[in-house]
Amino acid sequence: MRRVIHTDRPDAGAYALLNSLVVPRPIAWISTLSADGIGNLAPHSFFSVACANPPIVSWTSVRQKDTLTNVLATGEFVVNLATLPDMDLVNATSATFEPHHDEAEALGIEMEPSERVAPPRVVSSPASLECTLHSTIELGDSVLVLGDVVAVTVVEEAMDGDHPDFAKLQTVSRLGIDEWGLPPAVRAVDRPN
């Protein structure tokens, strides 16, 4: 027997259900700058690739958050990979900070200049996607953000030839409620012809 939840009712709890069923979700640890140059660093777990060529990533802001405000004002953002060594810091940046407070500065997270965009990247993150705003789509209480990837940075130690080595990246993911996914075991399976 299955429990049936009709999600077209406002009290159905669709957000909690989606958070627990669409798993694991990669985390975009997004750094931005406000129009006044104040840094913002926050995790967003509704994140994916939207287009391969040209490279476009997508993430969703559930309600109006500082990250979205900054991207709309400046047109730029950086997706930093969220990893196991930084998991507690990634989580700490999800706290509510006033817009005039820089999360990275408050939490002692070292930042460095990006290659092509103004927002800095997280030094300890092994990879980053530097993006310019492509477009946004308003969807109910959320905004889908599409970003053109203008530069990708990966530390040499995480590369295996031309590709990043997943085991060396040690990415974490979001699951339901307060659950996090740790770097999983990797199994290579060849695609059929």
Protein backbone atom coordinates (compact mmCIF):
# COMPACT_ATOMS: atom_id res chain seq x y z
CA MET A 1 0.00 0.00 0.00
CA ARG A 2 1.23 3.51 -0.82
CA ARG A 3 0.51 6.77 0.90
CA VAL A 4 -0.92 9.26 -1.62
CA ILE A 5 -0.22 12.96 -1.12
CA HIS A 6 -2.03 15.41 -3.37
CA THR A 7 0.53 18.15 -3.84
CA ASP A 8 -1.89 20.63 -5.40
CA ARG A 9 -3.06 21.55 -1.89
CA PRO A 10 -1.05 24.34 -0.16
CA ASP A 11 -0.74 22.33 3.08
CA ALA A 12 0.49 19.13 1.40
CA GLY A 13 4.12 19.67 2.36
CA ALA A 14 5.44 19.29 -1.19
CA TYR A 15 8.75 21.04 -0.38
CA ALA A 16 9.63 18.54 2.37
CA LEU A 17 8.61 15.63 0.14
CA LEU A 18 10.69 16.82 -2.81
CA ASN A 19 13.68 17.47 -0.52
CA SER A 20 13.53 13.89 0.74
CA LEU A 21 12.73 12.14 -2.55
CA VAL A 22 14.83 13.96 -5.14
CA VAL A 23 18.15 12.76 -3.72
CA PRO A 24 21.07 13.02 -3.66
CA ARG A 25 21.21 16.66 -4.75
CA PRO A 26 24.54 18.30 -5.60
CA ILE A 27 25.21 21.52 -3.74
CA ALA A 28 26.02 24.77 -5.50
CA TRP A 29 27.99 26.72 -2.88
CA ILE A 30 27.40 30.08 -4.54
CA SER A 31 29.51 33.16 -4.01
CA THR A 32 28.20 36.54 -5.14
CA LEU A 33 28.78 40.22 -4.55
CA SER A 34 26.05 42.74 -3.82
CA ALA A 35 25.73 45.92 -5.90
CA ASP A 36 27.72 47.58 -3.08
CA GLY A 37 30.49 44.94 -3.24
CA ILE A 38 29.53 42.98 -0.11
CA GLY A 39 30.27 39.25 -0.36
CA ASN A 40 27.67 36.53 0.03
CA LEU A 41 28.27 32.78 0.23
CA ALA A 42 25.37 30.34 0.46
CA PRO A 43 24.54 26.73 -0.47
CA HIS A 44 21.75 25.91 -2.92
CA SER A 45 20.86 22.25 -3.42
CA PHE A 46 18.42 22.63 -6.32
CA PHE A 47 21.35 22.70 -8.78
CA SER A 48 22.11 21.03 -12.11
CA VAL A 49 23.47 21.31 -15.64
CA ALA A 50 20.91 22.90 -17.97
CA CYS A 51 22.83 22.82 -21.27
CA ALA A 52 26.09 21.22 -22.43
CA ASN A 53 26.87 23.46 -25.40
CA PRO A 54 26.97 26.28 -24.60
CA PRO A 55 27.66 25.31 -20.98
CA ILE A 56 24.80 26.54 -18.79
CA VAL A 57 24.07 25.57 -15.18
CA SER A 58 20.84 26.07 -13.27
CA TRP A 59 19.94 26.57 -9.64
CA THR A 60 16.78 27.53 -7.86
CA SER A 61 16.29 30.17 -5.21
CA VAL A 62 13.35 29.14 -3.05
CA ARG A 63 11.96 32.55 -2.08
CA GLN A 64 13.95 35.76 -2.49
CA LYS A 65 17.39 35.29 -0.95
CA ASP A 66 20.52 37.44 -0.89
CA THR A 67 22.18 35.24 -3.53
CA LEU A 68 19.36 35.90 -5.99
CA THR A 69 19.24 39.62 -5.16
CA ASN A 70 22.98 39.89 -5.85
CA VAL A 71 22.85 37.92 -9.11
CA LEU A 72 19.99 40.06 -10.40
CA ALA A 73 21.92 43.23 -9.47
CA THR A 74 25.33 42.24 -10.86
CA GLY A 75 24.72 39.43 -13.35
CA GLU A 76 27.51 37.22 -11.96
CA PHE A 77 28.07 34.31 -9.58
CA VAL A 78 30.49 31.48 -8.83
CA VAL A 79 29.47 27.90 -8.06
CA ASN A 80 32.06 26.41 -5.69
CA LEU A 81 32.09 22.64 -5.23
CA ALA A 82 30.86 21.62 -1.77
CA THR A 83 33.19 18.96 -0.37
CA LEU A 84 33.57 16.73 2.67
CA PRO A 85 36.40 18.79 4.24
CA ASP A 86 34.20 21.92 3.97
CA MET A 87 30.86 20.30 4.85
CA ASP A 88 30.48 22.04 8.22
CA LEU A 89 31.38 25.40 6.67
CA VAL A 90 28.92 24.85 3.81
CA ASN A 91 26.24 24.13 6.38
CA ALA A 92 27.24 27.16 8.46
CA THR A 93 26.76 29.46 5.46
CA SER A 94 23.12 28.34 5.25
CA ALA A 95 22.36 30.30 8.43
CA THR A 96 20.47 33.57 8.15
CA PHE A 97 22.90 36.46 7.82
CA GLU A 98 21.93 40.08 7.33
CA PRO A 99 22.56 41.26 3.74
CA HIS A 100 25.36 43.59 4.91
CA HIS A 101 27.29 40.70 6.52
CA ASP A 102 29.73 38.67 4.44
CA GLU A 103 29.34 34.98 5.40
CA ALA A 104 32.86 34.04 4.31
CA GLU A 105 34.37 36.85 6.37
CA ALA A 106 32.21 36.07 9.40
CA LEU A 107 33.10 32.36 9.30
CA GLY A 108 36.77 32.75 8.37
CA ILE A 109 36.41 31.15 4.92
CA GLU A 110 39.34 32.14 2.72
CA MET A 111 38.36 33.55 -0.68
CA GLU A 112 40.45 34.38 -3.75
CA PRO A 113 39.87 36.28 -6.99
CA SER A 114 38.06 34.47 -9.78
CA GLU A 115 39.41 34.36 -13.34
CA ARG A 116 36.55 36.00 -15.31
CA VAL A 117 33.93 37.35 -12.89
CA ALA A 118 33.99 39.74 -9.94
CA PRO A 119 32.67 37.42 -7.18
CA PRO A 120 35.56 35.57 -5.54
CA ARG A 121 35.82 31.80 -5.26
CA VAL A 122 36.40 29.62 -2.16
CA VAL A 123 40.09 28.76 -1.85
CA SER A 124 39.49 25.32 -0.28
CA SER A 125 36.97 24.25 -2.93
CA PRO A 126 38.75 22.07 -5.51
CA ALA A 127 36.64 23.34 -8.42
CA SER A 128 34.51 26.30 -9.38
CA LEU A 129 32.20 27.36 -12.19
CA GLU A 130 32.34 31.07 -12.92
CA CYS A 131 29.06 32.25 -14.40
CA THR A 132 27.29 35.21 -15.90
CA LEU A 133 23.52 35.45 -15.72
CA HIS A 134 21.79 33.94 -18.74
CA SER A 135 18.17 34.32 -17.60
CA THR A 136 15.69 33.69 -14.82
CA ILE A 137 12.26 32.08 -14.74
CA GLU A 138 9.79 32.85 -11.95
CA LEU A 139 8.00 29.70 -10.76
CA GLY A 140 5.58 30.14 -7.86
CA ASP A 141 7.60 30.90 -4.71
CA SER A 142 10.90 30.17 -6.49
CA VAL A 143 13.14 31.58 -9.20
CA LEU A 144 15.08 29.32 -11.57
CA VAL A 145 18.43 30.91 -12.41
CA LEU A 146 20.35 29.95 -15.54
CA GLY A 147 24.03 30.88 -15.73
CA ASP A 148 26.45 30.83 -18.66
CA VAL A 149 29.64 29.12 -17.50
CA VAL A 150 32.47 31.41 -18.64
CA ALA A 151 35.34 29.68 -16.79
CA VAL A 152 35.92 26.41 -14.95
CA THR A 153 38.75 26.05 -12.44
CA VAL A 154 39.94 22.72 -11.03
CA VAL A 155 42.99 22.19 -8.80
CA GLU A 156 45.61 20.07 -10.56
CA GLU A 157 45.63 17.51 -7.71
CA ALA A 158 42.00 16.63 -8.49
CA MET A 159 42.60 16.00 -12.19
CA ASP A 160 43.07 12.61 -13.86
CA GLY A 161 44.26 13.53 -17.32
CA ASP A 162 41.58 15.78 -18.86
CA HIS A 163 38.89 14.92 -16.31
CA PRO A 164 38.35 15.64 -12.63
CA ASP A 165 38.66 12.52 -10.47
CA PHE A 166 35.44 12.15 -8.48
CA ALA A 167 37.19 10.37 -5.60
CA LYS A 168 39.64 13.27 -5.23
CA LEU A 169 36.91 15.92 -5.34
CA GLN A 170 35.06 14.39 -2.34
CA THR A 171 31.78 16.15 -3.09
CA VAL A 172 28.91 15.99 -0.62
CA SER A 173 25.20 16.21 -1.36
CA ARG A 174 21.94 17.12 0.32
CA LEU A 175 19.37 14.52 1.20
CA GLY A 176 16.16 15.02 3.22
CA ILE A 177 15.58 17.19 6.29
CA ASP A 178 19.03 17.59 7.94
CA GLU A 179 20.66 14.65 6.14
CA TRP A 180 23.78 14.96 4.01
CA GLY A 181 25.22 12.48 1.55
CA LEU A 182 28.92 11.72 1.92
CA PRO A 183 31.18 10.96 -1.05
CA PRO A 184 29.78 7.67 -2.36
CA ALA A 185 31.64 4.60 -3.57
CA VAL A 186 32.27 4.84 -7.31
CA ARG A 187 31.65 2.04 -9.79
CA ALA A 188 32.59 2.45 -13.44
CA VAL A 189 30.11 0.99 -15.94
CA ASP A 190 30.76 1.28 -19.68
CA ARG A 191 27.93 2.70 -21.76
CA PRO A 192 26.47 0.34 -24.36
CA ASN A 193 27.25 1.08 -28.03
